[in-house]
Amino acid sequence: MATQSEIASWLDLSDRQVRNLQERGILPKPKGRGTLTEKECVLAYIKYLRSPAAKLERQEIDPDNPEKKENNDDRLKRIRADTLEFKLQIEMGRYAPVEFLSSALEQVVSQILPKLASIPSIIRLALPDVRPSTIEKITEEIGKLQNSIADIDISLPDIDGGFEAEGEAFALADEDSTA
């Protein structure tokens, strides 16, 4: 839950602008102090910014030239809406910092490698009739797999400008859901 000032900060607006949007029915009105939800307000504001009514407010429609070029105010509002949507996607867990993803991957690999190494012993105990040469071959293949895992060099694709927010690079967790 958030106050009107916190919502204004989230939307990069003044308190007065938030009040005006609430009175126009664009943003939800609070039912008491600190009763607004950030997600609800951000989604309502994004919906408003993308609506035809908002576009009409931001620019004069020239009937002779309906494809009028985007002016700076329109561009700024579009960028603001996209930025807010990006923040919301982070809050919803659809984006994650690359360093968090790298750390999670390292933890998974560090748990897999010892389990791979224990497979020959498990087979030896479960199937005592298996020939030692078979166990040696399995051990050899597991060793090769462990070495190939250790040699993996993960390089992120070069994205011009990249996804950056407050100095941290962000990776897309679910590209299809935002397309």
N, C-alpha and C. Protein backbone atom coordinates (compact mmCIF):
# COMPACT_ATOMS: atom_id res chain seq x y z
N MET A 1 0.83 -1.17 0.00
CA MET A 1 0.00 0.00 0.00
C MET A 1 0.89 1.25 0.00
N ALA A 2 0.39 2.27 -0.61
CA ALA A 2 1.20 3.49 -0.76
C ALA A 2 0.34 4.73 -0.58
N THR A 3 1.02 5.80 -0.27
CA THR A 3 0.36 7.10 -0.15
C THR A 3 0.33 7.76 -1.53
N GLN A 4 -0.39 8.85 -1.62
CA GLN A 4 -0.48 9.60 -2.88
C GLN A 4 0.90 10.10 -3.29
N SER A 5 1.71 10.54 -2.33
CA SER A 5 3.06 11.03 -2.63
C SER A 5 3.94 9.91 -3.17
N GLU A 6 3.80 8.71 -2.62
CA GLU A 6 4.58 7.58 -3.10
C GLU A 6 4.17 7.20 -4.52
N ILE A 7 2.87 7.25 -4.79
CA ILE A 7 2.39 6.97 -6.15
C ILE A 7 2.92 8.03 -7.10
N ALA A 8 2.90 9.29 -6.68
CA ALA A 8 3.43 10.37 -7.52
C ALA A 8 4.91 10.11 -7.83
N SER A 9 5.64 9.66 -6.85
CA SER A 9 7.06 9.37 -7.05
C SER A 9 7.24 8.21 -8.03
N TRP A 10 6.44 7.17 -7.86
CA TRP A 10 6.50 6.01 -8.75
C TRP A 10 6.21 6.40 -10.19
N LEU A 11 5.22 7.28 -10.38
CA LEU A 11 4.80 7.66 -11.72
C LEU A 11 5.60 8.84 -12.27
N ASP A 12 6.49 9.38 -11.45
CA ASP A 12 7.29 10.53 -11.83
C ASP A 12 6.39 11.73 -12.16
N LEU A 13 5.40 11.94 -11.28
CA LEU A 13 4.45 13.03 -11.42
C LEU A 13 4.43 13.83 -10.13
N SER A 14 3.79 14.99 -10.17
CA SER A 14 3.60 15.76 -8.94
C SER A 14 2.35 15.24 -8.22
N ASP A 15 2.24 15.58 -6.93
CA ASP A 15 1.06 15.19 -6.17
C ASP A 15 -0.21 15.78 -6.82
N ARG A 16 -0.09 17.01 -7.30
CA ARG A 16 -1.23 17.67 -7.93
C ARG A 16 -1.68 16.90 -9.18
N GLN A 17 -0.71 16.45 -10.00
CA GLN A 17 -1.06 15.70 -11.20
C GLN A 17 -1.75 14.39 -10.84
N VAL A 18 -1.28 13.74 -9.78
CA VAL A 18 -1.92 12.50 -9.34
C VAL A 18 -3.36 12.78 -8.90
N ARG A 19 -3.57 13.85 -8.13
CA ARG A 19 -4.93 14.21 -7.70
C ARG A 19 -5.82 14.48 -8.91
N ASN A 20 -5.30 15.22 -9.89
CA ASN A 20 -6.08 15.51 -11.10
C ASN A 20 -6.46 14.22 -11.83
N LEU A 21 -5.51 13.29 -11.94
CA LEU A 21 -5.80 12.02 -12.61
C LEU A 21 -6.82 11.20 -11.82
N GLN A 22 -6.78 11.29 -10.50
CA GLN A 22 -7.75 10.58 -9.67
C GLN A 22 -9.14 11.19 -9.86
N GLU A 23 -9.21 12.51 -9.90
CA GLU A 23 -10.51 13.17 -10.07
C GLU A 23 -11.11 12.90 -11.45
N ARG A 24 -10.26 12.68 -12.43
CA ARG A 24 -10.74 12.36 -13.78
C ARG A 24 -11.07 10.88 -13.93
N GLY A 25 -10.82 10.09 -12.89
CA GLY A 25 -11.13 8.65 -12.93
C GLY A 25 -10.07 7.82 -13.61
N ILE A 26 -8.93 8.39 -13.88
CA ILE A 26 -7.85 7.67 -14.55
C ILE A 26 -7.09 6.80 -13.55
N LEU A 27 -6.80 7.37 -12.39
CA LEU A 27 -6.16 6.62 -11.30
C LEU A 27 -7.19 6.35 -10.21
N PRO A 28 -7.03 5.22 -9.52
CA PRO A 28 -7.98 4.94 -8.44
C PRO A 28 -7.83 5.94 -7.30
N LYS A 29 -8.94 6.25 -6.66
CA LYS A 29 -8.92 7.17 -5.52
C LYS A 29 -8.63 6.37 -4.25
N PRO A 30 -7.91 6.98 -3.31
CA PRO A 30 -7.62 6.26 -2.06
C PRO A 30 -8.87 6.16 -1.19
N LYS A 31 -8.95 5.06 -0.44
CA LYS A 31 -10.06 4.87 0.47
C LYS A 31 -9.66 5.26 1.89
N GLY A 32 -8.51 5.87 2.01
CA GLY A 32 -7.94 6.29 3.28
C GLY A 32 -6.46 6.55 3.06
N ARG A 33 -5.75 6.96 4.08
CA ARG A 33 -4.32 7.25 3.94
C ARG A 33 -3.53 5.96 3.72
N GLY A 34 -2.74 5.95 2.68
CA GLY A 34 -1.87 4.81 2.40
C GLY A 34 -2.60 3.59 1.89
N THR A 35 -3.71 3.78 1.19
CA THR A 35 -4.49 2.63 0.73
C THR A 35 -4.37 2.35 -0.76
N LEU A 36 -3.53 3.08 -1.46
CA LEU A 36 -3.35 2.85 -2.90
C LEU A 36 -2.33 1.74 -3.12
N THR A 37 -2.55 0.91 -4.14
CA THR A 37 -1.55 -0.10 -4.47
C THR A 37 -0.74 0.39 -5.66
N GLU A 38 0.58 0.21 -5.58
CA GLU A 38 1.47 0.69 -6.63
C GLU A 38 1.14 0.05 -7.97
N LYS A 39 0.97 -1.26 -7.95
CA LYS A 39 0.74 -1.98 -9.21
C LYS A 39 -0.54 -1.51 -9.88
N GLU A 40 -1.61 -1.35 -9.10
CA GLU A 40 -2.88 -0.92 -9.66
C GLU A 40 -2.76 0.47 -10.28
N CYS A 41 -2.07 1.37 -9.59
CA CYS A 41 -1.91 2.73 -10.10
C CYS A 41 -1.01 2.77 -11.33
N VAL A 42 0.07 2.01 -11.31
CA VAL A 42 0.98 1.99 -12.47
C VAL A 42 0.27 1.43 -13.69
N LEU A 43 -0.46 0.34 -13.51
CA LEU A 43 -1.19 -0.24 -14.65
C LEU A 43 -2.25 0.72 -15.19
N ALA A 44 -2.96 1.40 -14.28
CA ALA A 44 -3.98 2.37 -14.71
C ALA A 44 -3.33 3.52 -15.48
N TYR A 45 -2.18 3.99 -15.01
CA TYR A 45 -1.50 5.11 -15.67
C TYR A 45 -0.96 4.68 -17.04
N ILE A 46 -0.41 3.48 -17.13
CA ILE A 46 0.08 2.98 -18.43
C ILE A 46 -1.09 2.86 -19.40
N LYS A 47 -2.19 2.31 -18.92
CA LYS A 47 -3.38 2.17 -19.77
C LYS A 47 -3.83 3.54 -20.27
N TYR A 48 -3.82 4.52 -19.37
CA TYR A 48 -4.20 5.88 -19.76
C TYR A 48 -3.24 6.45 -20.81
N LEU A 49 -1.93 6.31 -20.58
CA LEU A 49 -0.95 6.88 -21.50
C LEU A 49 -1.06 6.28 -22.90
N ARG A 50 -1.49 5.04 -22.96
CA ARG A 50 -1.60 4.37 -24.26
C ARG A 50 -2.97 4.53 -24.90
N SER A 51 -3.90 5.13 -24.20
CA SER A 51 -5.27 5.25 -24.72
C SER A 51 -5.36 6.33 -25.79
N PRO A 52 -6.33 6.17 -26.69
CA PRO A 52 -6.55 7.21 -27.71
C PRO A 52 -6.89 8.56 -27.10
N ALA A 53 -7.62 8.56 -25.98
CA ALA A 53 -7.99 9.83 -25.34
C ALA A 53 -6.74 10.59 -24.90
N ALA A 54 -5.77 9.88 -24.35
CA ALA A 54 -4.53 10.52 -23.92
C ALA A 54 -3.77 11.07 -25.12
N LYS A 55 -3.79 10.33 -26.21
CA LYS A 55 -3.10 10.81 -27.42
C LYS A 55 -3.75 12.08 -27.94
N LEU A 56 -5.09 12.14 -27.86
CA LEU A 56 -5.78 13.35 -28.29
C LEU A 56 -5.42 14.53 -27.41
N GLU A 57 -5.27 14.29 -26.11
CA GLU A 57 -4.89 15.35 -25.19
C GLU A 57 -3.47 15.85 -25.46
N ARG A 58 -2.60 14.95 -25.85
CA ARG A 58 -1.19 15.31 -26.00
C ARG A 58 -0.87 15.99 -27.32
N GLN A 59 -1.67 15.78 -28.32
CA GLN A 59 -1.37 16.41 -29.61
C GLN A 59 -2.66 16.78 -30.32
N GLU A 60 -2.57 17.78 -31.12
CA GLU A 60 -3.73 18.15 -31.93
C GLU A 60 -3.77 17.24 -33.13
N ILE A 61 -4.93 16.69 -33.41
CA ILE A 61 -5.07 15.82 -34.57
C ILE A 61 -5.32 16.70 -35.79
N ASP A 62 -4.46 16.56 -36.75
CA ASP A 62 -4.60 17.30 -38.01
C ASP A 62 -5.33 16.37 -38.98
N PRO A 63 -6.57 16.67 -39.36
CA PRO A 63 -7.32 15.77 -40.23
C PRO A 63 -6.65 15.55 -41.58
N ASP A 64 -5.86 16.55 -42.02
CA ASP A 64 -5.17 16.40 -43.31
C ASP A 64 -3.92 15.55 -43.20
N ASN A 65 -3.38 15.42 -41.99
CA ASN A 65 -2.15 14.65 -41.79
C ASN A 65 -2.28 13.82 -40.51
N PRO A 66 -2.99 12.67 -40.58
CA PRO A 66 -3.19 11.87 -39.38
C PRO A 66 -1.91 11.20 -38.87
N GLU A 67 -0.90 11.12 -39.72
CA GLU A 67 0.36 10.50 -39.30
C GLU A 67 1.37 11.57 -38.88
N LYS A 68 0.90 12.54 -38.14
CA LYS A 68 1.73 13.63 -37.66
C LYS A 68 2.87 13.06 -36.82
N LYS A 69 4.06 13.61 -36.99
CA LYS A 69 5.23 13.09 -36.26
C LYS A 69 5.09 13.32 -34.76
N GLU A 70 5.68 12.39 -34.04
CA GLU A 70 5.65 12.44 -32.58
C GLU A 70 6.45 13.65 -32.08
N ASN A 71 5.84 14.46 -31.22
CA ASN A 71 6.59 15.58 -30.68
C ASN A 71 7.31 15.15 -29.39
N ASN A 72 8.09 16.04 -28.82
CA ASN A 72 8.89 15.68 -27.65
C ASN A 72 8.05 15.28 -26.45
N ASP A 73 6.91 15.96 -26.24
CA ASP A 73 6.04 15.60 -25.11
C ASP A 73 5.50 14.18 -25.27
N ASP A 74 5.07 13.86 -26.49
CA ASP A 74 4.56 12.51 -26.74
C ASP A 74 5.64 11.47 -26.52
N ARG A 75 6.81 11.77 -27.02
CA ARG A 75 7.94 10.84 -26.88
C ARG A 75 8.28 10.64 -25.40
N LEU A 76 8.32 11.75 -24.65
CA LEU A 76 8.62 11.66 -23.23
C LEU A 76 7.57 10.84 -22.49
N LYS A 77 6.31 11.05 -22.81
CA LYS A 77 5.24 10.28 -22.15
C LYS A 77 5.30 8.81 -22.54
N ARG A 78 5.62 8.53 -23.79
CA ARG A 78 5.75 7.13 -24.22
C ARG A 78 6.91 6.46 -23.50
N ILE A 79 8.03 7.17 -23.40
CA ILE A 79 9.19 6.63 -22.70
C ILE A 79 8.86 6.43 -21.23
N ARG A 80 8.16 7.37 -20.62
CA ARG A 80 7.75 7.26 -19.22
C ARG A 80 6.87 6.02 -19.02
N ALA A 81 5.91 5.81 -19.93
CA ALA A 81 5.02 4.65 -19.83
C ALA A 81 5.82 3.36 -19.97
N ASP A 82 6.75 3.33 -20.92
CA ASP A 82 7.58 2.14 -21.10
C ASP A 82 8.45 1.88 -19.88
N THR A 83 9.01 2.94 -19.30
CA THR A 83 9.84 2.80 -18.10
C THR A 83 9.03 2.27 -16.94
N LEU A 84 7.83 2.80 -16.77
CA LEU A 84 6.96 2.32 -15.70
C LEU A 84 6.59 0.86 -15.90
N GLU A 85 6.31 0.50 -17.14
CA GLU A 85 5.98 -0.89 -17.43
C GLU A 85 7.18 -1.80 -17.13
N PHE A 86 8.38 -1.32 -17.48
CA PHE A 86 9.59 -2.10 -17.20
C PHE A 86 9.76 -2.30 -15.70
N LYS A 87 9.57 -1.23 -14.91
CA LYS A 87 9.66 -1.34 -13.45
C LYS A 87 8.64 -2.34 -12.92
N LEU A 88 7.44 -2.29 -13.48
CA LEU A 88 6.40 -3.21 -13.05
C LEU A 88 6.77 -4.65 -13.40
N GLN A 89 7.35 -4.86 -14.57
CA GLN A 89 7.78 -6.20 -14.96
C GLN A 89 8.84 -6.74 -13.99
N ILE A 90 9.73 -5.85 -13.53
CA ILE A 90 10.73 -6.24 -12.54
C ILE A 90 10.04 -6.64 -11.25
N GLU A 91 9.09 -5.82 -10.80
CA GLU A 91 8.35 -6.11 -9.57
C GLU A 91 7.61 -7.43 -9.67
N MET A 92 7.10 -7.75 -10.85
CA MET A 92 6.32 -8.97 -11.05
C MET A 92 7.23 -10.19 -11.25
N GLY A 93 8.53 -9.98 -11.30
CA GLY A 93 9.47 -11.09 -11.42
C GLY A 93 9.70 -11.59 -12.83
N ARG A 94 9.36 -10.80 -13.83
CA ARG A 94 9.59 -11.21 -15.21
C ARG A 94 10.97 -10.83 -15.71
N TYR A 95 11.63 -9.95 -14.99
CA TYR A 95 13.00 -9.56 -15.29
C TYR A 95 13.82 -9.82 -14.03
N ALA A 96 15.11 -10.11 -14.23
CA ALA A 96 15.99 -10.35 -13.09
C ALA A 96 17.38 -9.83 -13.43
N PRO A 97 18.11 -9.32 -12.43
CA PRO A 97 19.48 -8.89 -12.68
C PRO A 97 20.33 -10.07 -13.16
N VAL A 98 21.17 -9.82 -14.13
CA VAL A 98 22.01 -10.86 -14.71
C VAL A 98 22.87 -11.52 -13.63
N GLU A 99 23.38 -10.74 -12.68
CA GLU A 99 24.23 -11.33 -11.64
C GLU A 99 23.46 -12.32 -10.78
N PHE A 100 22.15 -12.10 -10.56
CA PHE A 100 21.34 -13.06 -9.81
C PHE A 100 21.18 -14.36 -10.60
N LEU A 101 20.92 -14.22 -11.89
CA LEU A 101 20.77 -15.40 -12.74
C LEU A 101 22.07 -16.19 -12.82
N SER A 102 23.20 -15.48 -12.93
CA SER A 102 24.50 -16.16 -12.97
C SER A 102 24.77 -16.91 -11.68
N SER A 103 24.47 -16.29 -10.57
CA SER A 103 24.67 -16.92 -9.26
C SER A 103 23.80 -18.17 -9.13
N ALA A 104 22.56 -18.08 -9.56
CA ALA A 104 21.65 -19.23 -9.48
C ALA A 104 22.17 -20.38 -10.34
N LEU A 105 22.67 -20.06 -11.54
CA LEU A 105 23.21 -21.09 -12.42
C LEU A 105 24.44 -21.75 -11.81
N GLU A 106 25.31 -20.97 -11.20
CA GLU A 106 26.49 -21.52 -10.53
C GLU A 106 26.09 -22.48 -9.41
N GLN A 107 25.06 -22.12 -8.65
CA GLN A 107 24.61 -22.98 -7.55
C GLN A 107 24.06 -24.30 -8.08
N VAL A 108 23.31 -24.25 -9.18
CA VAL A 108 22.76 -25.47 -9.77
C VAL A 108 23.89 -26.38 -10.24
N VAL A 109 24.85 -25.81 -10.95
CA VAL A 109 25.97 -26.61 -11.47
C VAL A 109 26.78 -27.21 -10.32
N SER A 110 27.00 -26.44 -9.25
CA SER A 110 27.78 -26.96 -8.12
C SER A 110 27.07 -28.11 -7.42
N GLN A 111 25.76 -28.21 -7.56
CA GLN A 111 25.02 -29.33 -6.97
C GLN A 111 24.96 -30.52 -7.91
N ILE A 112 25.01 -30.28 -9.21
CA ILE A 112 24.92 -31.36 -10.20
C ILE A 112 26.22 -32.16 -10.28
N LEU A 113 27.37 -31.47 -10.28
CA LEU A 113 28.65 -32.16 -10.50
C LEU A 113 28.92 -33.28 -9.49
N PRO A 114 28.75 -33.08 -8.18
CA PRO A 114 28.98 -34.19 -7.24
C PRO A 114 27.99 -35.35 -7.45
N LYS A 115 26.77 -35.03 -7.84
CA LYS A 115 25.79 -36.10 -8.08
C LYS A 115 26.18 -36.93 -9.30
N LEU A 116 26.74 -36.26 -10.31
CA LEU A 116 27.23 -37.00 -11.47
C LEU A 116 28.36 -37.95 -11.07
N ALA A 117 29.26 -37.45 -10.23
CA ALA A 117 30.41 -38.25 -9.81
C ALA A 117 29.99 -39.48 -9.00
N SER A 118 28.85 -39.43 -8.35
CA SER A 118 28.40 -40.55 -7.51
C SER A 118 27.67 -41.63 -8.30
N ILE A 119 27.35 -41.39 -9.56
CA ILE A 119 26.59 -42.36 -10.35
C ILE A 119 27.30 -43.72 -10.46
N PRO A 120 28.61 -43.80 -10.76
CA PRO A 120 29.24 -45.12 -10.84
C PRO A 120 29.11 -45.92 -9.53
N SER A 121 29.25 -45.29 -8.39
CA SER A 121 29.11 -45.99 -7.10
C SER A 121 27.70 -46.52 -6.92
N ILE A 122 26.72 -45.70 -7.29
CA ILE A 122 25.32 -46.11 -7.17
C ILE A 122 25.06 -47.33 -8.06
N ILE A 123 25.57 -47.29 -9.28
CA ILE A 123 25.39 -48.42 -10.20
C ILE A 123 26.08 -49.67 -9.66
N ARG A 124 27.30 -49.51 -9.14
CA ARG A 124 28.06 -50.63 -8.59
C ARG A 124 27.29 -51.31 -7.44
N LEU A 125 26.68 -50.50 -6.56
CA LEU A 125 25.92 -51.04 -5.44
C LEU A 125 24.60 -51.67 -5.88
N ALA A 126 23.91 -51.03 -6.81
CA ALA A 126 22.61 -51.52 -7.25
C ALA A 126 22.72 -52.73 -8.17
N LEU A 127 23.77 -52.76 -8.96
CA LEU A 127 23.96 -53.85 -9.94
C LEU A 127 25.37 -54.45 -9.81
N PRO A 128 25.56 -55.32 -8.84
CA PRO A 128 26.91 -55.86 -8.62
C PRO A 128 27.43 -56.71 -9.78
N ASP A 129 26.55 -57.15 -10.66
CA ASP A 129 26.97 -57.99 -11.79
C ASP A 129 27.53 -57.19 -12.96
N VAL A 130 27.44 -55.86 -12.91
CA VAL A 130 27.95 -55.03 -14.00
C VAL A 130 29.47 -55.15 -14.05
N ARG A 131 29.99 -55.32 -15.26
CA ARG A 131 31.43 -55.52 -15.42
C ARG A 131 32.19 -54.25 -15.02
N PRO A 132 33.37 -54.41 -14.44
CA PRO A 132 34.18 -53.25 -14.07
C PRO A 132 34.52 -52.35 -15.26
N SER A 133 34.67 -52.93 -16.43
CA SER A 133 34.98 -52.11 -17.61
C SER A 133 33.81 -51.17 -17.95
N THR A 134 32.59 -51.63 -17.71
CA THR A 134 31.41 -50.79 -17.95
C THR A 134 31.40 -49.61 -16.97
N ILE A 135 31.70 -49.92 -15.70
CA ILE A 135 31.76 -48.86 -14.68
C ILE A 135 32.86 -47.86 -15.04
N GLU A 136 34.01 -48.37 -15.51
CA GLU A 136 35.11 -47.48 -15.89
C GLU A 136 34.69 -46.57 -17.06
N LYS A 137 33.98 -47.14 -18.02
CA LYS A 137 33.51 -46.35 -19.17
C LYS A 137 32.53 -45.27 -18.72
N ILE A 138 31.61 -45.62 -17.81
CA ILE A 138 30.66 -44.64 -17.28
C ILE A 138 31.42 -43.53 -16.55
N THR A 139 32.41 -43.92 -15.71
CA THR A 139 33.21 -42.95 -14.97
C THR A 139 33.94 -42.02 -15.92
N GLU A 140 34.49 -42.60 -16.99
CA GLU A 140 35.22 -41.82 -17.99
C GLU A 140 34.29 -40.80 -18.67
N GLU A 141 33.09 -41.22 -19.05
CA GLU A 141 32.14 -40.33 -19.72
C GLU A 141 31.68 -39.23 -18.76
N ILE A 142 31.47 -39.57 -17.51
CA ILE A 142 31.07 -38.55 -16.52
C ILE A 142 32.20 -37.54 -16.35
N GLY A 143 33.44 -38.00 -16.31
CA GLY A 143 34.59 -37.10 -16.22
C GLY A 143 34.65 -36.15 -17.40
N LYS A 144 34.42 -36.68 -18.61
CA LYS A 144 34.40 -35.83 -19.80
C LYS A 144 33.30 -34.78 -19.70
N LEU A 145 32.13 -35.21 -19.23
CA LEU A 145 31.02 -34.27 -19.09
C LEU A 145 31.33 -33.19 -18.06
N GLN A 146 31.94 -33.57 -16.93
CA GLN A 146 32.31 -32.59 -15.92
C GLN A 146 33.33 -31.59 -16.47
N ASN A 147 34.29 -32.07 -17.23
CA ASN A 147 35.28 -31.18 -17.83
C ASN A 147 34.64 -30.23 -18.84
N SER A 148 33.71 -30.76 -19.64
CA SER A 148 33.06 -29.88 -20.63
C SER A 148 32.20 -28.83 -19.94
N ILE A 149 31.57 -29.19 -18.81
CA ILE A 149 30.79 -28.21 -18.06
C ILE A 149 31.71 -27.13 -17.50
N ALA A 150 32.87 -27.54 -16.99
CA ALA A 150 33.82 -26.58 -16.42
C ALA A 150 34.37 -25.64 -17.49
N ASP A 151 34.45 -26.11 -18.73
CA ASP A 151 35.01 -25.30 -19.81
C ASP A 151 34.00 -24.38 -20.49
N ILE A 152 32.74 -24.47 -20.09
CA ILE A 152 31.72 -23.63 -20.72
C ILE A 152 31.99 -22.17 -20.40
N ASP A 153 32.01 -21.36 -21.46
CA ASP A 153 32.20 -19.92 -21.30
C ASP A 153 30.91 -19.25 -21.76
N ILE A 154 30.15 -18.77 -20.79
CA ILE A 154 28.88 -18.14 -21.11
C ILE A 154 29.14 -16.67 -21.40
N SER A 155 28.82 -16.27 -22.62
CA SER A 155 28.95 -14.85 -22.96
C SER A 155 27.58 -14.35 -23.37
N LEU A 156 27.19 -13.24 -22.80
CA LEU A 156 25.89 -12.66 -23.12
C LEU A 156 25.94 -12.04 -24.50
N PRO A 157 24.81 -12.10 -25.22
CA PRO A 157 24.80 -11.47 -26.54
C PRO A 157 25.00 -9.97 -26.40
N ASP A 158 25.65 -9.39 -27.40
CA ASP A 158 25.90 -7.95 -27.38
C ASP A 158 24.64 -7.24 -27.82
N ILE A 159 24.02 -6.55 -26.87
CA ILE A 159 22.80 -5.81 -27.16
C ILE A 159 23.17 -4.33 -27.11
N ASP A 160 22.96 -3.64 -28.21
CA ASP A 160 23.27 -2.21 -28.25
C ASP A 160 22.49 -1.49 -27.17
N GLY A 161 23.19 -0.87 -26.25
CA GLY A 161 22.52 -0.16 -25.16
C GLY A 161 22.14 -1.07 -24.03
N GLY A 162 21.78 -2.32 -24.33
CA GLY A 162 21.44 -3.30 -23.30
C GLY A 162 20.24 -2.91 -22.47
N PHE A 163 19.91 -3.78 -21.54
CA PHE A 163 18.88 -3.48 -20.56
C PHE A 163 19.60 -3.02 -19.33
N GLU A 164 19.48 -1.76 -18.98
CA GLU A 164 20.15 -1.26 -17.79
C GLU A 164 19.20 -0.42 -16.97
N ALA A 165 19.29 -0.62 -15.68
CA ALA A 165 18.48 0.19 -14.76
C ALA A 165 19.32 0.44 -13.53
N GLU A 166 19.56 1.68 -13.22
CA GLU A 166 20.34 2.07 -12.07
C GLU A 166 21.69 1.34 -12.02
N GLY A 167 22.34 1.22 -13.17
CA GLY A 167 23.69 0.67 -13.23
C GLY A 167 23.75 -0.85 -13.28
N GLU A 168 22.64 -1.55 -13.20
CA GLU A 168 22.67 -3.00 -13.26
C GLU A 168 22.10 -3.45 -14.60
N ALA A 169 22.73 -4.47 -15.18
CA ALA A 169 22.21 -5.04 -16.41
C ALA A 169 21.10 -6.01 -16.05
N PHE A 170 20.05 -6.03 -16.86
CA PHE A 170 18.93 -6.91 -16.60
C PHE A 170 18.75 -7.84 -17.77
N ALA A 171 18.33 -9.06 -17.49
CA ALA A 171 18.08 -10.05 -18.53
C ALA A 171 16.59 -10.36 -18.58
N LEU A 172 16.13 -10.64 -19.75
CA LEU A 172 14.73 -10.96 -19.94
C LEU A 172 14.49 -12.39 -19.51
N ALA A 173 13.55 -12.59 -18.62
CA ALA A 173 13.26 -13.92 -18.13
C ALA A 173 12.22 -14.60 -19.01
N ASP A 174 11.32 -13.85 -19.61
CA ASP A 174 10.27 -14.43 -20.41
C ASP A 174 9.95 -13.50 -21.57
N GLU A 175 10.73 -13.60 -22.64
CA GLU A 175 10.60 -12.67 -23.75
C GLU A 175 9.21 -12.74 -24.38
N ASP A 176 8.65 -13.94 -24.51
CA ASP A 176 7.38 -14.10 -25.19
C ASP A 176 6.24 -13.40 -24.50
N SER A 177 6.29 -13.29 -23.17
CA SER A 177 5.18 -12.69 -22.45
C SER A 177 5.12 -11.18 -22.62
N THR A 178 6.21 -10.54 -23.04
CA THR A 178 6.21 -9.09 -23.21
C THR A 178 6.07 -8.68 -24.66
N ALA A 179 6.11 -9.63 -25.57
CA ALA A 179 6.05 -9.30 -26.99
C ALA A 179 4.65 -8.95 -27.43
